[in-house]
Each structure stands twice: as structure tokens, then as C-alpha cells.
Amino acid sequence: MSALTVLALIEQMAERLETAGLTQSDGFGQGTLTAFDEAAWLVMWRLGLPLDELDSVEKMPVAPADMEQVARLFDERITNRRPAAYLTQEAWLQGVPFYVDERVIIPRSFIAELLADGSIDPWLSEDTRRVLDLCTGNGSLAVLAAMTYPEVQVDAADISADALAVARINVERHQLQQRITLIQSDGLANCPGPYDLILCNPPYVNAATMAALPAEFRAEPGLALAGGEDGMDFIRNLFSTAARHMSENSVLVLEIGNERENFERAFPHLEVLWFETSAGSDQVMLITREQLV
């Protein structure tokens, strides 16, 4: 195996991914968007290089032994269709690193964009003190919310004890134990409230889409993805109880992915505000307590 530079090795591995038939719909939506981005992530991680410093190391030669390790990593990615984030046990959201493994879905919520760009801020006030991240998974949105709003206390709730174990790793990694409380809860059942802001990226994938998911997405916990026949099962329960857990001027920020048509069919009289995200204006909405009463 003749030596290659870091960049040439990345390009070679990207070509392997493409030749193997992997596409964005087959898993590049779990943290990366292209074969090159995914190859760069895996190669840089395997070589122990900073993920954001490709420009400074792209011409560096890679030793044959290291190239063999990279090749084995890509064998695992392609043959077993194991998501890259599970291979590296790390995912990034808004530039912040998080631990992940097969106990949680890979964090990719567009709510993270709204926290970062201040889109939610106009609906908050100096009285905003209690935030809930419902269906927290690995805890990434709870961590980002605590970082974004230094004055708030955050509850991070999930039905899965396994997911909360992973969330605890991330809360401790970012030294937020004093500000984030982890709660095992089926929906809002064990969440005390009242909350001034609820963030929720729930299971919302409809049954037909679940049945057609590629292997990478089937590797994620189905409990965190499947939303019933039309994807709205969890959301129906949430809407029936949320107001009791919200303060007077509270808002709910809810992500539903590509399910807007099913959402509007299930809740035809609910006029929500849709946020603009990098995926368009039909992925994340805002609902006031008043609308849910």
C-alpha cells in the first residue's frame, strides 16, 4: 500500500463510500451531508487529527500502518452499515462535541440551530428560568440550552434509562451537573414544571417511512424514531397534557422533520409559527401555551 497524503486518503475513502452505493439518504444525514465530509470525519478521527484542521494537515503523508487502520474502519462502515457516529462514539452539534453510542439516536436536531442563532429569543424574557428538553436522548439539546441561556435551569427527560445514562456522560463532560437535572419520564408524566420553555424533538417518523429506513437509521433505537401510523402519536399525547406543565407565557418548540403534512392533517385548526432552518421552514414550529389550553 503506497503512502498517500491525508487529503488523498480522504478522497480515496470518499470514493469507496460512493462506490459502495452509500448516499445522503443512506446515512450521511446522521451528522454529515456528503461522502467527502463523512470520509474526512472518519479519516481524521482514525488518525487522531483535529476534525476542523484539514487545511493544515492535508498534505501530510500517512504511514502505511495508519492507512491500514483507516481501511479497516471503512470496511466496518460499509460492510455493516454502522453509522459513523457509532464508530467514533462522538457527534457534533453546533460545534459542540457529544458522546454517543447505540443507546441513543445520533443528534442532528434543527432546534440546535435556533438556539445558536437566537430565533427563539423573542419569545423568552428575563423571567425565563426553567427549560425542559423533552425526549432528550443523549442530552445534546439540554446542554446547548444551558450554554445558550446561562441563567436557566434545565430538566432533560427521556423514557429510556439507557438514553439518560448517555445524557449523564454529556452533562458531566460539559460540567453542567449543577444546572441540568435528568428525569426518566414517559412524556411529561414525571416532569414537574411549570416550564417557561419546552424543547422537544420527539419520535415522529410515520410507519411507512420507518419500514423503508436504510440500515444506518435502523441501527438507531426505534423507540426514539417511531411515531405510529402517521408519526403523530407522541405529539397527540404531548398536546393533551403540555399546558399543565407550562408557565403562563411559556412556548413549546417542536421538531417534526418531514411530517408537516401529517401534522396539519392531525391538527387542522392549530395555527403554529414555523421557524426557518437550514432544512427549510417546515421542520420546527413554535406553539404557545395559550394555543394548547
Protein backbone atom coordinates (compact mmCIF):
# COMPACT_ATOMS: atom_id res chain seq x y z
CA MET A 1 0.00 0.00 0.00
CA SER A 2 1.80 3.14 -1.20
CA ALA A 3 1.70 6.19 1.07
CA LEU A 4 -0.89 8.89 0.45
CA THR A 5 -1.40 12.34 1.86
CA VAL A 6 -4.25 12.92 4.29
CA LEU A 7 -6.32 14.64 1.61
CA ALA A 8 -5.67 11.94 -0.98
CA LEU A 9 -6.64 9.27 1.54
CA ILE A 10 -9.88 11.11 2.33
CA GLU A 11 -10.68 11.37 -1.38
CA GLN A 12 -9.95 7.67 -1.85
CA MET A 13 -12.21 6.72 1.08
CA ALA A 14 -14.98 9.02 -0.17
CA GLU A 15 -14.82 7.20 -3.49
CA ARG A 16 -15.14 3.91 -1.61
CA LEU A 17 -18.31 5.15 0.09
CA GLU A 18 -19.79 6.25 -3.22
CA THR A 19 -18.79 3.02 -4.98
CA ALA A 20 -20.46 1.07 -2.17
CA GLY A 21 -23.67 2.90 -3.01
CA LEU A 22 -23.95 4.97 0.14
CA THR A 23 -25.88 8.20 -0.36
CA GLN A 24 -27.17 11.02 1.81
CA SER A 25 -30.42 9.15 2.39
CA ASP A 26 -28.42 6.11 3.48
CA GLY A 27 -26.79 7.72 6.44
CA PHE A 28 -24.99 10.92 5.55
CA GLY A 29 -27.92 12.64 7.24
CA GLN A 30 -26.61 11.42 10.59
CA GLY A 31 -24.07 14.18 11.03
CA THR A 32 -22.63 14.66 7.54
CA LEU A 33 -24.16 15.51 4.18
CA THR A 34 -21.67 14.17 1.61
CA ALA A 35 -19.35 11.22 1.10
CA PHE A 36 -16.35 13.55 1.31
CA ASP A 37 -17.49 15.01 4.64
CA GLU A 38 -18.07 11.56 6.07
CA ALA A 39 -14.72 10.31 4.80
CA ALA A 40 -12.95 13.35 6.23
CA TRP A 41 -14.59 12.81 9.63
CA LEU A 42 -13.63 9.13 9.80
CA VAL A 43 -10.10 9.53 8.42
CA MET A 44 -9.25 12.47 10.68
CA TRP A 45 -10.69 10.69 13.71
CA ARG A 46 -8.82 7.46 12.99
CA LEU A 47 -5.55 9.37 12.54
CA GLY A 48 -6.11 11.34 15.75
CA LEU A 49 -6.15 14.66 13.94
CA PRO A 50 -8.35 17.68 14.84
CA LEU A 51 -11.54 17.41 12.81
CA ASP A 52 -11.58 21.12 11.95
CA GLU A 53 -7.96 21.42 10.79
CA LEU A 54 -7.90 19.58 7.48
CA ASP A 55 -6.36 22.56 5.69
CA SER A 56 -3.28 22.43 7.91
CA VAL A 57 -2.67 18.68 7.56
CA GLU A 58 -3.99 17.83 4.09
CA LYS A 59 -0.51 17.40 2.60
CA MET A 60 0.82 15.32 5.49
CA PRO A 61 1.84 11.79 4.42
CA VAL A 62 0.02 8.90 6.08
CA ALA A 63 2.07 5.90 7.19
CA PRO A 64 1.09 2.53 5.67
CA ALA A 65 0.13 1.13 9.08
CA ASP A 66 -2.23 4.07 9.64
CA MET A 67 -3.67 3.63 6.17
CA GLU A 68 -4.49 0.02 7.01
CA GLN A 69 -6.30 1.13 10.17
CA VAL A 70 -8.33 3.62 8.12
CA ALA A 71 -9.17 0.93 5.58
CA ARG A 72 -10.44 -1.39 8.33
CA LEU A 73 -12.60 1.39 9.74
CA PHE A 74 -14.21 1.94 6.33
CA ASP A 75 -14.70 -1.82 5.95
CA GLU A 76 -16.80 -1.68 9.12
CA ARG A 77 -18.70 1.39 7.94
CA ILE A 78 -19.54 -0.12 4.54
CA THR A 79 -19.97 -3.81 5.31
CA ASN A 80 -22.06 -3.46 8.47
CA ARG A 81 -23.61 -0.10 7.54
CA ARG A 82 -22.76 1.09 11.05
CA PRO A 83 -23.24 4.87 11.38
CA ALA A 84 -20.03 6.89 11.57
CA ALA A 85 -21.02 8.44 14.90
CA TYR A 86 -21.28 5.00 16.47
CA LEU A 87 -17.85 4.11 15.10
CA THR A 88 -16.27 7.22 16.60
CA GLN A 89 -18.63 7.42 19.60
CA GLU A 90 -18.85 11.14 19.02
CA ALA A 91 -21.17 13.54 17.25
CA TRP A 92 -21.03 17.31 16.89
CA LEU A 93 -23.91 19.74 17.10
CA GLN A 94 -23.31 23.47 16.56
CA GLY A 95 -19.59 22.89 17.05
CA VAL A 96 -20.05 21.16 20.41
CA PRO A 97 -18.90 17.53 20.79
CA PHE A 98 -21.14 14.89 22.35
CA TYR A 99 -20.63 11.26 23.29
CA VAL A 100 -22.96 8.83 21.50
CA ASP A 101 -23.41 5.10 21.20
CA GLU A 102 -26.13 2.70 20.09
CA ARG A 103 -28.28 3.53 23.14
CA VAL A 104 -29.28 6.87 21.60
CA ILE A 105 -30.15 8.34 18.22
CA ILE A 106 -27.41 10.42 16.66
CA PRO A 107 -28.07 14.10 17.49
CA ARG A 108 -28.99 16.22 14.47
CA SER A 109 -31.86 18.38 15.69
CA PHE A 110 -32.52 21.65 13.88
CA ILE A 111 -33.57 23.10 17.23
CA ALA A 112 -29.84 23.42 17.87
CA GLU A 113 -29.65 25.97 15.03
CA LEU A 114 -32.45 28.01 16.60
CA LEU A 115 -30.68 28.08 19.95
CA ALA A 116 -27.48 29.21 18.27
CA ASP A 117 -28.94 31.95 16.07
CA GLY A 118 -31.32 33.41 18.64
CA SER A 119 -34.51 32.58 16.74
CA ILE A 120 -36.29 31.51 19.93
CA ASP A 121 -35.18 34.52 21.99
CA PRO A 122 -38.06 36.89 21.07
CA TRP A 123 -40.50 34.56 22.86
CA LEU A 124 -38.44 34.49 26.05
CA SER A 125 -37.98 37.13 28.76
CA GLU A 126 -35.95 37.96 31.84
CA ASP A 127 -38.38 35.70 33.71
CA THR A 128 -37.38 32.65 31.67
CA ARG A 129 -35.84 30.41 34.30
CA ARG A 130 -36.95 26.82 33.73
CA VAL A 131 -36.39 24.92 30.48
CA LEU A 132 -37.33 21.35 29.61
CA ASP A 133 -35.66 19.26 26.93
CA LEU A 134 -38.23 16.52 26.37
CA CYS A 135 -37.04 13.34 24.62
CA THR A 136 -33.50 14.43 25.43
CA GLY A 137 -31.71 11.36 24.02
CA ASN A 138 -28.00 11.95 24.56
CA GLY A 139 -28.71 15.29 26.24
CA SER A 140 -27.32 17.49 23.48
CA LEU A 141 -30.18 20.00 23.33
CA ALA A 142 -30.24 20.27 27.11
CA VAL A 143 -26.52 21.02 27.11
CA LEU A 144 -26.85 23.56 24.30
CA ALA A 145 -29.79 25.24 26.04
CA ALA A 146 -27.81 25.53 29.28
CA MET A 147 -24.88 27.01 27.34
CA THR A 148 -27.14 29.43 25.46
CA TYR A 149 -29.07 30.65 28.50
CA PRO A 150 -26.64 30.80 31.46
CA GLU A 151 -29.37 31.88 33.91
CA VAL A 152 -31.73 28.93 33.40
CA GLN A 153 -32.13 25.52 35.00
CA VAL A 154 -32.75 22.70 32.56
CA ASP A 155 -34.63 19.44 33.02
CA ALA A 156 -33.72 16.75 30.50
CA ALA A 157 -36.32 13.99 30.25
CA ASP A 158 -36.49 10.69 28.39
CA ILE A 159 -38.41 7.45 28.77
CA SER A 160 -35.22 5.46 28.17
CA ALA A 161 -32.90 4.78 31.10
CA ASP A 162 -30.20 3.87 28.57
CA ALA A 163 -30.52 7.24 26.87
CA LEU A 164 -30.31 9.03 30.21
CA ALA A 165 -27.11 7.14 31.03
CA VAL A 166 -25.59 8.57 27.85
CA ALA A 167 -27.02 12.02 28.62
CA ARG A 168 -25.32 11.90 32.01
CA ILE A 169 -21.97 11.37 30.30
CA ASN A 170 -22.51 14.53 28.25
CA VAL A 171 -23.80 16.62 31.15
CA GLU A 172 -20.69 15.71 33.12
CA ARG A 173 -18.43 16.16 30.09
CA HIS A 174 -19.58 19.76 29.83
CA GLN A 175 -19.63 20.25 33.62
CA LEU A 176 -23.30 21.15 33.80
CA GLN A 177 -24.37 18.85 36.63
CA GLN A 178 -25.47 21.82 38.74
CA ARG A 179 -27.79 23.16 36.05
CA ILE A 180 -29.19 20.10 34.26
CA THR A 181 -31.44 17.56 36.00
CA LEU A 182 -32.04 14.23 34.29
CA ILE A 183 -35.54 12.76 34.61
CA GLN A 184 -36.85 9.39 33.47
CA SER A 185 -40.34 10.12 32.23
CA ASP A 186 -42.92 8.80 29.80
CA GLY A 187 -43.72 12.06 28.08
CA LEU A 188 -44.41 14.74 30.68
CA ALA A 189 -45.58 12.33 33.40
CA ASN A 190 -42.63 12.87 35.76
CA CYS A 191 -41.72 16.40 34.68
CA PRO A 192 -42.73 18.80 37.47
CA GLY A 193 -42.76 22.14 35.69
CA PRO A 194 -44.02 24.69 35.20
CA TYR A 195 -41.59 25.38 32.38
CA ASP A 196 -41.00 28.67 30.62
CA LEU A 197 -39.68 26.91 27.51
CA ILE A 198 -40.10 23.33 26.33
CA LEU A 199 -37.85 21.96 23.59
CA CYS A 200 -38.95 18.67 22.06
CA ASN A 201 -37.53 16.55 19.25
CA PRO A 202 -39.86 13.56 19.69
CA PRO A 203 -40.33 10.26 17.86
CA TYR A 204 -42.26 11.39 14.79
CA VAL A 205 -41.38 9.05 11.90
CA ASN A 206 -44.52 7.56 10.33
CA ALA A 207 -44.93 3.81 9.91
CA ALA A 208 -44.40 3.72 6.14
CA THR A 209 -41.16 5.69 6.41
CA MET A 210 -39.97 3.53 9.32
CA ALA A 211 -40.44 0.42 7.19
CA ALA A 212 -38.30 1.90 4.41
CA LEU A 213 -35.44 3.28 6.52
CA PRO A 214 -31.91 2.39 5.37
CA ALA A 215 -29.71 0.22 7.57
CA GLU A 216 -27.91 3.15 9.19
CA PHE A 217 -31.12 4.58 10.59
CA ARG A 218 -32.38 1.16 11.63
CA ALA A 219 -29.26 0.93 13.78
CA GLU A 220 -30.69 3.71 15.93
CA PRO A 221 -33.18 2.97 18.74
CA GLY A 222 -36.62 2.61 17.17
CA LEU A 223 -38.20 3.96 20.36
CA ALA A 224 -36.69 7.36 19.60
CA LEU A 225 -37.86 7.39 15.98
CA ALA A 226 -41.22 5.68 15.52
CA GLY A 227 -44.27 7.91 15.93
CA GLY A 228 -47.03 5.49 14.98
CA GLU A 229 -49.05 5.19 11.79
CA ASP A 230 -48.94 8.92 10.94
CA GLY A 231 -46.00 9.86 13.15
CA MET A 232 -48.18 11.91 15.50
CA ASP A 233 -48.83 9.51 18.42
CA PHE A 234 -46.38 11.10 20.86
CA ILE A 235 -47.38 14.60 19.79
CA ARG A 236 -51.08 13.94 20.40
CA ASN A 237 -50.31 12.91 23.97
CA LEU A 238 -47.97 15.86 24.40
CA PHE A 239 -50.57 18.39 23.26
CA SER A 240 -53.18 16.94 25.63
CA THR A 241 -51.00 17.50 28.72
CA ALA A 242 -48.43 20.19 27.89
CA ALA A 243 -50.36 23.26 29.07
CA ARG A 244 -50.47 21.94 32.64
CA HIS A 245 -46.67 21.88 32.66
CA MET A 246 -46.14 25.35 31.14
CA SER A 247 -45.98 28.77 32.79
CA GLU A 248 -48.35 31.50 31.62
CA ASN A 249 -46.19 32.85 28.79
CA SER A 250 -44.41 29.61 28.01
CA VAL A 251 -43.77 28.30 24.50
CA LEU A 252 -43.16 24.85 23.06
CA VAL A 253 -40.57 24.44 20.30
CA LEU A 254 -41.33 21.20 18.49
CA GLU A 255 -39.46 19.43 15.71
CA ILE A 256 -41.35 17.13 13.32
CA GLY A 257 -38.91 16.54 10.46
CA ASN A 258 -40.66 15.84 7.17
CA GLU A 259 -44.06 15.21 8.74
CA ARG A 260 -45.71 18.61 8.18
CA GLU A 261 -48.46 17.12 6.01
CA ASN A 262 -49.34 14.55 8.67
CA PHE A 263 -49.13 17.21 11.37
CA GLU A 264 -51.56 19.52 9.61
CA ARG A 265 -53.91 16.63 8.94
CA ALA A 266 -53.84 15.66 12.63
CA PHE A 267 -54.19 19.24 13.95
CA PRO A 268 -56.02 21.17 11.21
CA HIS A 269 -57.13 24.07 13.42
CA LEU A 270 -53.78 24.72 15.11
CA GLU A 271 -52.01 27.73 13.60
CA VAL A 272 -48.33 27.45 14.52
CA LEU A 273 -45.28 29.54 13.76
CA TRP A 274 -42.74 27.78 11.56
CA PHE A 275 -39.06 28.57 12.01
CA GLU A 276 -36.64 28.91 9.13
CA THR A 277 -33.80 26.37 9.41
CA SER A 278 -31.13 25.05 7.07
CA ALA A 279 -33.63 22.35 6.08
CA GLY A 280 -36.38 24.81 5.21
CA SER A 281 -39.39 26.24 7.00
CA ASP A 282 -41.41 23.13 7.77
CA GLN A 283 -39.24 21.20 10.24
CA VAL A 284 -39.59 23.08 13.54
CA MET A 285 -42.53 25.04 14.96
CA LEU A 286 -43.40 27.21 17.93
CA ILE A 287 -46.66 26.83 19.86
CA THR A 288 -47.77 29.00 22.80
CA ARG A 289 -49.37 27.71 25.98
CA GLU A 290 -52.47 29.68 25.12
CA GLN A 291 -52.88 27.63 21.92
CA LEU A 292 -52.65 24.37 23.87
CA VAL A 293 -55.11 25.26 26.67
